[in-house]
PDB file of N, CA and C in Angstrom:
ATOM      1  N   MET A   1      58.077 129.094  99.904  1.00  0.00           N
ATOM      2  CA  MET A   1      56.881 128.452  99.410  1.00  0.00           C
ATOM      3  C   MET A   1      55.725 128.847 100.314  1.00  0.00           C
ATOM      4  N   PRO A   2      54.640 129.320  99.759  1.00  0.00           N
ATOM      5  CA  PRO A   2      53.502 129.722 100.577  1.00  0.00           C
ATOM      6  C   PRO A   2      52.930 128.531 101.329  1.00  0.00           C
ATOM      7  N   HIS A   3      52.494 128.773 102.552  1.00  0.00           N
ATOM      8  CA  HIS A   3      51.952 127.700 103.392  1.00  0.00           C
ATOM      9  C   HIS A   3      50.538 127.315 103.004  1.00  0.00           C
ATOM     10  N   ASP A   4      49.858 128.130 102.218  1.00  0.00           N
ATOM     11  CA  ASP A   4      48.475 127.829 101.855  1.00  0.00           C
ATOM     12  C   ASP A   4      48.364 126.926 100.630  1.00  0.00           C
ATOM     13  N   ILE A   5      49.490 126.503 100.061  1.00  0.00           N
ATOM     14  CA  ILE A   5      49.468 125.596  98.917  1.00  0.00           C
ATOM     15  C   ILE A   5      49.606 124.172  99.445  1.00  0.00           C
ATOM     16  N   SER A   6      48.599 123.354  99.200  1.00  0.00           N
ATOM     17  CA  SER A   6      48.634 121.979  99.692  1.00  0.00           C
ATOM     18  C   SER A   6      49.415 121.100  98.732  1.00  0.00           C
ATOM     19  N   LEU A   7      49.896 119.987  99.235  1.00  0.00           N
ATOM     20  CA  LEU A   7      50.632 119.028  98.421  1.00  0.00           C
ATOM     21  C   LEU A   7      49.763 118.531  97.273  1.00  0.00           C
ATOM     22  N   GLU A   8      48.476 118.331  97.550  1.00  0.00           N
ATOM     23  CA  GLU A   8      47.570 117.817  96.538  1.00  0.00           C
ATOM     24  C   GLU A   8      47.465 118.748  95.332  1.00  0.00           C
ATOM     25  N   SER A   9      47.632 120.051  95.547  1.00  0.00           N
ATOM     26  CA  SER A   9      47.516 120.979  94.431  1.00  0.00           C
ATOM     27  C   SER A   9      48.775 120.994  93.558  1.00  0.00           C
ATOM     28  N   ARG A  10      49.849 120.384  94.026  1.00  0.00           N
ATOM     29  CA  ARG A  10      51.087 120.383  93.259  1.00  0.00           C
ATOM     30  C   ARG A  10      51.385 119.052  92.594  1.00  0.00           C
ATOM     31  N   ILE A  11      50.883 117.944  93.136  1.00  0.00           N
ATOM     32  CA  ILE A  11      51.169 116.628  92.574  1.00  0.00           C
ATOM     33  C   ILE A  11      49.956 115.741  92.811  1.00  0.00           C
ATOM     34  N   SER A  12      49.633 114.960  91.808  1.00  0.00           N
ATOM     35  CA  SER A  12      48.470 114.083  91.947  1.00  0.00           C
ATOM     36  C   SER A  12      48.833 112.869  92.797  1.00  0.00           C
ATOM     37  N   THR A  13      47.821 112.267  93.372  1.00  0.00           N
ATOM     38  CA  THR A  13      48.021 111.054  94.167  1.00  0.00           C
ATOM     39  C   THR A  13      48.610 109.945  93.303  1.00  0.00           C
ATOM     40  N   GLU A  14      48.180 109.870  92.069  1.00  0.00           N
ATOM     41  CA  GLU A  14      48.686 108.846  91.161  1.00  0.00           C
ATOM     42  C   GLU A  14      50.173 109.075  90.853  1.00  0.00           C
ATOM     43  N   ASP A  15      50.536 110.330  90.600  1.00  0.00           N
ATOM     44  CA  ASP A  15      51.946 110.645  90.339  1.00  0.00           C
ATOM     45  C   ASP A  15      52.806 110.327  91.552  1.00  0.00           C
ATOM     46  N   LEU A  16      52.289 110.621  92.730  1.00  0.00           N
ATOM     47  CA  LEU A  16      53.026 110.320  93.962  1.00  0.00           C
ATOM     48  C   LEU A  16      53.214 108.823  94.114  1.00  0.00           C
ATOM     49  N   ALA A  17      52.167 108.042  93.851  1.00  0.00           N
ATOM     50  CA  ALA A  17      52.258 106.586  93.952  1.00  0.00           C
ATOM     51  C   ALA A  17      53.285 106.034  92.967  1.00  0.00           C
ATOM     52  N   VAL A  18      53.305 106.568  91.744  1.00  0.00           N
ATOM     53  CA  VAL A  18      54.277 106.128  90.737  1.00  0.00           C
ATOM     54  C   VAL A  18      55.695 106.465  91.202  1.00  0.00           C
ATOM     55  N   ALA A  19      55.884 107.647  91.743  1.00  0.00           N
ATOM     56  CA  ALA A  19      57.215 108.048  92.216  1.00  0.00           C
ATOM     57  C   ALA A  19      57.683 107.152  93.359  1.00  0.00           C
ATOM     58  N   ILE A  20      56.786 106.831  94.272  1.00  0.00           N
ATOM     59  CA  ILE A  20      57.147 105.954  95.403  1.00  0.00           C
ATOM     60  C   ILE A  20      57.486 104.559  94.900  1.00  0.00           C
ATOM     61  N   GLU A  21      56.690 104.030  93.994  1.00  0.00           N
ATOM     62  CA  GLU A  21      56.954 102.704  93.436  1.00  0.00           C
ATOM     63  C   GLU A  21      58.282 102.676  92.687  1.00  0.00           C
ATOM     64  N   SER A  22      58.574 103.726  91.960  1.00  0.00           N
ATOM     65  CA  SER A  22      59.832 103.807  91.220  1.00  0.00           C
ATOM     66  C   SER A  22      61.027 103.847  92.179  1.00  0.00           C
ATOM     67  N   ALA A  23      60.906 104.636  93.237  1.00  0.00           N
ATOM     68  CA  ALA A  23      61.986 104.721  94.229  1.00  0.00           C
ATOM     69  C   ALA A  23      62.181 103.378  94.921  1.00  0.00           C
ATOM     70  N   GLU A  24      61.084 102.720  95.266  1.00  0.00           N
ATOM     71  CA  GLU A  24      61.167 101.421  95.922  1.00  0.00           C
ATOM     72  C   GLU A  24      61.853 100.399  95.015  1.00  0.00           C
ATOM     73  N   ALA A  25      61.479 100.388  93.731  1.00  0.00           N
ATOM     74  CA  ALA A  25      62.093  99.456  92.783  1.00  0.00           C
ATOM     75  C   ALA A  25      63.585  99.721  92.639  1.00  0.00           C
ATOM     76  N   ALA A  26      63.970 100.999  92.576  1.00  0.00           N
ATOM     77  CA  ALA A  26      65.391 101.343  92.457  1.00  0.00           C
ATOM     78  C   ALA A  26      66.165 100.881  93.683  1.00  0.00           C
ATOM     79  N   LEU A  27      65.592 101.060  94.865  1.00  0.00           N
ATOM     80  CA  LEU A  27      66.274 100.607  96.086  1.00  0.00           C
ATOM     81  C   LEU A  27      66.364  99.087  96.150  1.00  0.00           C
ATOM     82  N   ARG A  28      65.308  98.417  95.773  1.00  0.00           N
ATOM     83  CA  ARG A  28      65.338  96.945  95.789  1.00  0.00           C
ATOM     84  C   ARG A  28      66.409  96.389  94.852  1.00  0.00           C
ATOM     85  N   GLN A  29      66.639  97.046  93.729  1.00  0.00           N
ATOM     86  CA  GLN A  29      67.686  96.605  92.806  1.00  0.00           C
ATOM     87  C   GLN A  29      69.070  96.738  93.420  1.00  0.00           C
ATOM     88  N   ARG A  30      69.244  97.707  94.324  1.00  0.00           N
ATOM     89  CA  ARG A  30      70.549  97.933  94.955  1.00  0.00           C
ATOM     90  C   ARG A  30      70.726  97.138  96.241  1.00  0.00           C
ATOM     91  N   GLN A  31      69.664  96.486  96.719  1.00  0.00           N
ATOM     92  CA  GLN A  31      69.730  95.767  97.988  1.00  0.00           C
ATOM     93  C   GLN A  31      70.568  94.500  97.848  1.00  0.00           C
ATOM     94  N   GLN A  32      71.425  94.250  98.830  1.00  0.00           N
ATOM     95  CA  GLN A  32      72.274  93.072  98.847  1.00  0.00           C
ATOM     96  C   GLN A  32      71.450  91.842  99.240  1.00  0.00           C
ATOM     97  N   PRO A  33      71.920  90.638  98.916  1.00  0.00           N
ATOM     98  CA  PRO A  33      71.153  89.423  99.211  1.00  0.00           C
ATOM     99  C   PRO A  33      70.769  89.264 100.686  1.00  0.00           C
ATOM    100  N   ASP A  34      71.617  89.744 101.598  1.00  0.00           N
ATOM    101  CA  ASP A  34      71.288  89.602 103.017  1.00  0.00           C
ATOM    102  C   ASP A  34      70.426  90.760 103.542  1.00  0.00           C
ATOM    103  N   GLY A  35      70.018  91.664 102.646  1.00  0.00           N
ATOM    104  CA  GLY A  35      69.070  92.711 103.036  1.00  0.00           C
ATOM    105  C   GLY A  35      69.636  94.097 103.225  1.00  0.00           C
ATOM    106  N   HIS A  36      70.951  94.271 103.230  1.00  0.00           N
ATOM    107  CA  HIS A  36      71.517  95.607 103.462  1.00  0.00           C
ATOM    108  C   HIS A  36      71.804  96.308 102.133  1.00  0.00           C
ATOM    109  N   TRP A  37      72.082  97.585 102.238  1.00  0.00           N
ATOM    110  CA  TRP A  37      72.448  98.387 101.074  1.00  0.00           C
ATOM    111  C   TRP A  37      73.854  98.930 101.275  1.00  0.00           C
ATOM    112  N   VAL A  38      74.566  99.164 100.182  1.00  0.00           N
ATOM    113  CA  VAL A  38      75.894  99.760 100.239  1.00  0.00           C
ATOM    114  C   VAL A  38      75.883 101.005  99.359  1.00  0.00           C
ATOM    115  N   PHE A  39      76.158 102.137  99.977  1.00  0.00           N
ATOM    116  CA  PHE A  39      76.291 103.389  99.250  1.00  0.00           C
ATOM    117  C   PHE A  39      77.527 104.104  99.758  1.00  0.00           C
ATOM    118  N   GLU A  40      78.100 104.937  98.923  1.00  0.00           N
ATOM    119  CA  GLU A  40      79.246 105.726  99.341  1.00  0.00           C
ATOM    120  C   GLU A  40      78.814 106.703 100.425  1.00  0.00           C
ATOM    121  N   LEU A  41      79.591 106.753 101.482  1.00  0.00           N
ATOM    122  CA  LEU A  41      79.322 107.694 102.557  1.00  0.00           C
ATOM    123  C   LEU A  41      80.057 108.984 102.248  1.00  0.00           C
ATOM    124  N   GLU A  42      79.326 110.059 102.182  1.00  0.00           N
ATOM    125  CA  GLU A  42      79.930 111.340 101.848  1.00  0.00           C
ATOM    126  C   GLU A  42      79.326 112.418 102.726  1.00  0.00           C
ATOM    127  N   ALA A  43      80.149 113.312 103.180  1.00  0.00           N
ATOM    128  CA  ALA A  43      79.693 114.436 103.983  1.00  0.00           C
ATOM    129  C   ALA A  43      79.957 115.725 103.225  1.00  0.00           C
ATOM    130  N   ASP A  44      79.302 116.777 103.660  1.00  0.00           N
ATOM    131  CA  ASP A  44      79.588 118.065 103.044  1.00  0.00           C
ATOM    132  C   ASP A  44      80.953 118.552 103.519  1.00  0.00           C
ATOM    133  N   ALA A  45      81.363 119.686 103.042  1.00  0.00           N
ATOM    134  CA  ALA A  45      82.702 120.216 103.334  1.00  0.00           C
ATOM    135  C   ALA A  45      82.897 120.582 104.798  1.00  0.00           C
ATOM    136  N   THR A  46      81.814 120.739 105.547  1.00  0.00           N
ATOM    137  CA  THR A  46      81.975 121.174 106.934  1.00  0.00           C
ATOM    138  C   THR A  46      82.665 120.129 107.802  1.00  0.00           C
ATOM    139  N   ILE A  47      82.468 118.850 107.517  1.00  0.00           N
ATOM    140  CA  ILE A  47      83.046 117.796 108.367  1.00  0.00           C
ATOM    141  C   ILE A  47      84.576 117.814 108.302  1.00  0.00           C
ATOM    142  N   PRO A  48      85.209 117.746 107.117  1.00  0.00           N
ATOM    143  CA  PRO A  48      86.668 117.810 107.105  1.00  0.00           C
ATOM    144  C   PRO A  48      87.201 119.155 107.602  1.00  0.00           C
ATOM    145  N   ALA A  49      86.475 120.237 107.317  1.00  0.00           N
ATOM    146  CA  ALA A  49      86.927 121.549 107.796  1.00  0.00           C
ATOM    147  C   ALA A  49      86.889 121.610 109.312  1.00  0.00           C
ATOM    148  N   GLU A  50      85.832 121.089 109.916  1.00  0.00           N
ATOM    149  CA  GLU A  50      85.740 121.070 111.380  1.00  0.00           C
ATOM    150  C   GLU A  50      86.790 120.143 111.993  1.00  0.00           C
ATOM    151  N   TYR A  51      87.131 119.072 111.282  1.00  0.00           N
ATOM    152  CA  TYR A  51      88.188 118.175 111.764  1.00  0.00           C
ATOM    153  C   TYR A  51      89.509 118.923 111.860  1.00  0.00           C
ATOM    154  N   VAL A  52      89.847 119.681 110.827  1.00  0.00           N
ATOM    155  CA  VAL A  52      91.095 120.463 110.842  1.00  0.00           C
ATOM    156  C   VAL A  52      91.060 121.454 112.005  1.00  0.00           C
ATOM    157  N   LEU A  53      89.937 122.127 112.184  1.00  0.00           N
ATOM    158  CA  LEU A  53      89.800 123.078 113.291  1.00  0.00           C
ATOM    159  C   LEU A  53      89.988 122.381 114.637  1.00  0.00           C
ATOM    160  N   LEU A  54      89.365 121.222 114.816  1.00  0.00           N
ATOM    161  CA  LEU A  54      89.502 120.464 116.060  1.00  0.00           C
ATOM    162  C   LEU A  54      90.955 120.069 116.311  1.00  0.00           C
ATOM    163  N   GLU A  55      91.617 119.581 115.281  1.00  0.00           N
ATOM    164  CA  GLU A  55      93.008 119.164 115.446  1.00  0.00           C
ATOM    165  C   GLU A  55      93.906 120.350 115.836  1.00  0.00           C
ATOM    166  N   HIS A  56      93.625 121.518 115.302  1.00  0.00           N
ATOM    167  CA  HIS A  56      94.377 122.709 115.721  1.00  0.00           C
ATOM    168  C   HIS A  56      94.068 123.043 117.178  1.00  0.00           C
ATOM    169  N   TYR A  57      92.799 122.968 117.549  1.00  0.00           N
ATOM    170  CA  TYR A  57      92.397 123.264 118.920  1.00  0.00           C
ATOM    171  C   TYR A  57      93.079 122.310 119.901  1.00  0.00           C
ATOM    172  N   LEU A  58      93.195 121.043 119.525  1.00  0.00           N
ATOM    173  CA  LEU A  58      93.826 120.036 120.386  1.00  0.00           C
ATOM    174  C   LEU A  58      95.345 120.026 120.254  1.00  0.00           C
ATOM    175  N   ASP A  59      95.865 120.917 119.408  1.00  0.00           N
ATOM    176  CA  ASP A  59      97.303 121.050 119.186  1.00  0.00           C
ATOM    177  C   ASP A  59      97.942 119.735 118.752  1.00  0.00           C
ATOM    178  N   ARG A  60      97.284 119.068 117.826  1.00  0.00           N
ATOM    179  CA  ARG A  60      97.820 117.809 117.313  1.00  0.00           C
ATOM    180  C   ARG A  60      97.654 117.707 115.797  1.00  0.00           C
ATOM    181  N   ILE A  61      97.766 118.831 115.122  1.00  0.00           N
ATOM    182  CA  ILE A  61      97.565 118.852 113.678  1.00  0.00           C
ATOM    183  C   ILE A  61      98.671 118.102 112.959  1.00  0.00           C
ATOM    184  N   ASP A  62      98.293 117.360 111.961  1.00  0.00           N
ATOM    185  CA  ASP A  62      99.216 116.642 111.094  1.00  0.00           C
ATOM    186  C   ASP A  62      99.316 117.466 109.810  1.00  0.00           C
ATOM    187  N   PRO A  63     100.439 118.157 109.571  1.00  0.00           N
ATOM    188  CA  PRO A  63     100.537 119.030 108.396  1.00  0.00           C
ATOM    189  C   PRO A  63     100.245 118.326 107.065  1.00  0.00           C
ATOM    190  N   ALA A  64     100.693 117.085 106.913  1.00  0.00           N
ATOM    191  CA  ALA A  64     100.453 116.364 105.661  1.00  0.00           C
ATOM    192  C   ALA A  64      98.968 116.082 105.470  1.00  0.00           C
ATOM    193  N   LEU A  65      98.303 115.662 106.543  1.00  0.00           N
ATOM    194  CA  LEU A  65      96.865 115.397 106.462  1.00  0.00           C
ATOM    195  C   LEU A  65      96.096 116.691 106.228  1.00  0.00           C
ATOM    196  N   GLN A  66      96.492 117.762 106.895  1.00  0.00           N
ATOM    197  CA  GLN A  66      95.840 119.053 106.691  1.00  0.00           C
ATOM    198  C   GLN A  66      95.970 119.488 105.227  1.00  0.00           C
ATOM    199  N   ALA A  67      97.126 119.271 104.636  1.00  0.00           N
ATOM    200  CA  ALA A  67      97.330 119.638 103.233  1.00  0.00           C
ATOM    201  C   ALA A  67      96.424 118.818 102.316  1.00  0.00           C
ATOM    202  N   LYS A  68      96.285 117.515 102.599  1.00  0.00           N
ATOM    203  CA  LYS A  68      95.407 116.667 101.800  1.00  0.00           C
ATOM    204  C   LYS A  68      93.956 117.119 101.928  1.00  0.00           C
ATOM    205  N   ILE A  69      93.542 117.462 103.135  1.00  0.00           N
ATOM    206  CA  ILE A  69      92.179 117.935 103.342  1.00  0.00           C
ATOM    207  C   ILE A  69      91.964 119.256 102.605  1.00  0.00           C
ATOM    208  N   GLY A  70      92.964 120.112 102.612  1.00  0.00           N
ATOM    209  CA  GLY A  70      92.878 121.376 101.877  1.00  0.00           C
ATOM    210  C   GLY A  70      92.706 121.145 100.385  1.00  0.00           C
ATOM    211  N   VAL A  71      93.449 120.187  99.837  1.00  0.00           N
ATOM    212  CA  VAL A  71      93.321 119.847  98.412  1.00  0.00           C
ATOM    213  C   VAL A  71      91.904 119.340  98.138  1.00  0.00           C
ATOM    214  N   TYR A  72      91.409 118.468  99.018  1.00  0.00           N
ATOM    215  CA  TYR A  72      90.056 117.929  98.859  1.00  0.00           C
ATOM    216  C   TYR A  72      89.015 119.050  98.895  1.00  0.00           C
ATOM    217  N   LEU A  73      89.137 119.949  99.864  1.00  0.00           N
ATOM    218  CA  LEU A  73      88.157 121.035  99.986  1.00  0.00           C
ATOM    219  C   LEU A  73      88.171 121.944  98.763  1.00  0.00           C
ATOM    220  N   ARG A  74      89.342 122.227  98.252  1.00  0.00           N
ATOM    221  CA  ARG A  74      89.404 123.059  97.049  1.00  0.00           C
ATOM    222  C   ARG A  74      88.840 122.320  95.834  1.00  0.00           C
ATOM    223  N   ARG A  75      88.997 120.997  95.807  1.00  0.00           N
ATOM    224  CA  ARG A  75      88.479 120.200  94.695  1.00  0.00           C
ATOM    225  C   ARG A  75      86.957 120.182  94.681  1.00  0.00           C
ATOM    226  N   ILE A  76      86.323 120.177  95.852  1.00  0.00           N
ATOM    227  CA  ILE A  76      84.858 120.110  95.902  1.00  0.00           C
ATOM    228  C   ILE A  76      84.209 121.488  95.957  1.00  0.00           C
ATOM    229  N   GLN A  77      85.023 122.526  95.870  1.00  0.00           N
ATOM    230  CA  GLN A  77      84.490 123.883  95.875  1.00  0.00           C
ATOM    231  C   GLN A  77      83.602 124.072  94.644  1.00  0.00           C
ATOM    232  N   GLY A  78      82.442 124.678  94.851  1.00  0.00           N
ATOM    233  CA  GLY A  78      81.495 124.863  93.758  1.00  0.00           C
ATOM    234  C   GLY A  78      81.942 125.923  92.766  1.00  0.00           C
ATOM    235  N   GLU A  79      81.325 125.894  91.590  1.00  0.00           N
ATOM    236  CA  GLU A  79      81.630 126.895  90.568  1.00  0.00           C
ATOM    237  C   GLU A  79      81.260 128.298  91.048  1.00  0.00           C
ATOM    238  N   HIS A  80      80.367 128.368  92.020  1.00  0.00           N
ATOM    239  CA  HIS A  80      79.951 129.666  92.576  1.00  0.00           C
ATOM    240  C   HIS A  80      80.996 130.241  93.526  1.00  0.00           C
ATOM    241  N   GLY A  81      82.065 129.473  93.778  1.00  0.00           N
ATOM    242  CA  GLY A  81      83.152 129.954  94.615  1.00  0.00           C
ATOM    243  C   GLY A  81      83.070 129.532  96.063  1.00  0.00           C
ATOM    244  N   GLY A  82      82.006 128.870  96.439  1.00  0.00           N
ATOM    245  CA  GLY A  82      81.843 128.450  97.836  1.00  0.00           C
ATOM    246  C   GLY A  82      81.557 126.970  97.928  1.00  0.00           C
ATOM    247  N   TRP A  83      81.045 126.571  99.086  1.00  0.00           N
ATOM    248  CA  TRP A  83      80.765 125.168  99.345  1.00  0.00           C
ATOM    249  C   TRP A  83      79.289 124.995  99.665  1.00  0.00           C
ATOM    250  N   PRO A  84      78.665 123.979  99.070  1.00  0.00           N
ATOM    251  CA  PRO A  84      77.267 123.684  99.353  1.00  0.00           C
ATOM    252  C   PRO A  84      77.143 122.672 100.492  1.00  0.00           C
ATOM    253  N   LEU A  85      75.940 122.459 100.957  1.00  0.00           N
ATOM    254  CA  LEU A  85      75.696 121.421 101.955  1.00  0.00           C
ATOM    255  C   LEU A  85      75.461 120.061 101.305  1.00  0.00           C
ATOM    256  N   TYR A  86      75.273 120.038  99.993  1.00  0.00           N
ATOM    257  CA  TYR A  86      75.102 118.785  99.272  1.00  0.00           C
ATOM    258  C   TYR A  86      75.656 118.966  97.863  1.00  0.00           C
ATOM    259  N   TYR A  87      76.000 117.859  97.224  1.00  0.00           N
ATOM    260  CA  TYR A  87      76.629 117.892  95.908  1.00  0.00           C
ATOM    261  C   TYR A  87      75.762 118.678  94.923  1.00  0.00           C
ATOM    262  N   GLY A  88      76.366 119.655  94.289  1.00  0.00           N
ATOM    263  CA  GLY A  88      75.677 120.435  93.280  1.00  0.00           C
ATOM    264  C   GLY A  88      74.765 121.512  93.824  1.00  0.00           C
ATOM    265  N   GLY A  89      74.744 121.685  95.138  1.00  0.00           N
ATOM    266  CA  GLY A  89      73.848 122.663  95.748  1.00  0.00           C
ATOM    267  C   GLY A  89      74.361 124.084  95.662  1.00  0.00           C
ATOM    268  N   ASP A  90      73.519 124.989  96.102  1.00  0.00           N
ATOM    269  CA  ASP A  90      73.890 126.395  96.156  1.00  0.00           C
ATOM    270  C   ASP A  90      74.905 126.632  97.268  1.00  0.00           C
ATOM    271  N   LEU A  91      75.624 127.733  97.163  1.00  0.00           N
ATOM    272  CA  LEU A  91      76.559 128.124  98.207  1.00  0.00           C
ATOM    273  C   LEU A  91      75.820 128.208  99.539  1.00  0.00           C
ATOM    274  N   ASN A  92      76.403 127.646 100.585  1.00  0.00           N
ATOM    275  CA  ASN A  92      75.837 127.725 101.919  1.00  0.00           C
ATOM    276  C   ASN A  92      76.813 128.505 102.779  1.00  0.00           C
ATOM    277  N   ILE A  93      76.350 129.581 103.382  1.00  0.00           N
ATOM    278  CA  ILE A  93      77.250 130.464 104.126  1.00  0.00           C
ATOM    279  C   ILE A  93      77.927 129.741 105.296  1.00  0.00           C
ATOM    280  N   SER A  94      77.233 128.832 105.955  1.00  0.00           N
ATOM    281  CA  SER A  94      77.833 128.092 107.072  1.00  0.00           C
ATOM    282  C   SER A  94      78.952 127.185 106.571  1.00  0.00           C
ATOM    283  N   ALA A  95      78.680 126.440 105.497  1.00  0.00           N
ATOM    284  CA  ALA A  95      79.703 125.561 104.930  1.00  0.00           C
ATOM    285  C   ALA A  95      80.854 126.390 104.361  1.00  0.00           C
ATOM    286  N   ASN A  96      80.529 127.509 103.781  1.00  0.00           N
ATOM    287  CA  ASN A  96      81.552 128.372 103.170  1.00  0.00           C
ATOM    288  C   ASN A  96      82.516 128.915 104.231  1.00  0.00           C
ATOM    289  N   ARG A  97      81.971 129.365 105.335  1.00  0.00           N
ATOM    290  CA  ARG A  97      82.788 129.952 106.399  1.00  0.00           C
ATOM    291  C   ARG A  97      83.718 128.895 107.006  1.00  0.00           C
ATOM    292  N   LYS A  98      83.238 127.684 107.164  1.00  0.00           N
ATOM    293  CA  LYS A  98      84.034 126.635 107.796  1.00  0.00           C
ATOM    294  C   LYS A  98      85.072 126.028 106.870  1.00  0.00           C
ATOM    295  N   SER A  99      84.855 126.115 105.579  1.00  0.00           N
ATOM    296  CA  SER A  99      85.668 125.359 104.633  1.00  0.00           C
ATOM    297  C   SER A  99      86.861 126.116 104.072  1.00  0.00           C
ATOM    298  N   VAL A 100      87.060 127.333 104.477  1.00  0.00           N
ATOM    299  CA  VAL A 100      88.200 128.094 103.991  1.00  0.00           C
ATOM    300  C   VAL A 100      89.426 127.652 104.782  1.00  0.00           C
ATOM    301  N   VAL A 101      90.286 126.883 104.142  1.00  0.00           N
ATOM    302  CA  VAL A 101      91.467 126.335 104.816  1.00  0.00           C
ATOM    303  C   VAL A 101      92.700 127.096 104.371  1.00  0.00           C
TER     304      VAL A 101
END
């Protein structure tokens, strides 16, 4: 993206205000009575892949757990053949290199 394009030239102040208000309303609907939010915690493929690598490095790998992680990594593999850094994202070479189990 060129650096000479300002935010104002791409989105109006009114559109930005509407988007912020919409996001705020959506979050408020999900807020629990005591003020906290609950969302599923999910990481990209690099976290489980690095865990397997660490367990091998520490010489304490659990073959059954490694197999489950391998199944999970293959399940979240993108249609492009690799792994993204976020759900539905493009292949990321760093995530791809780490996630081959």
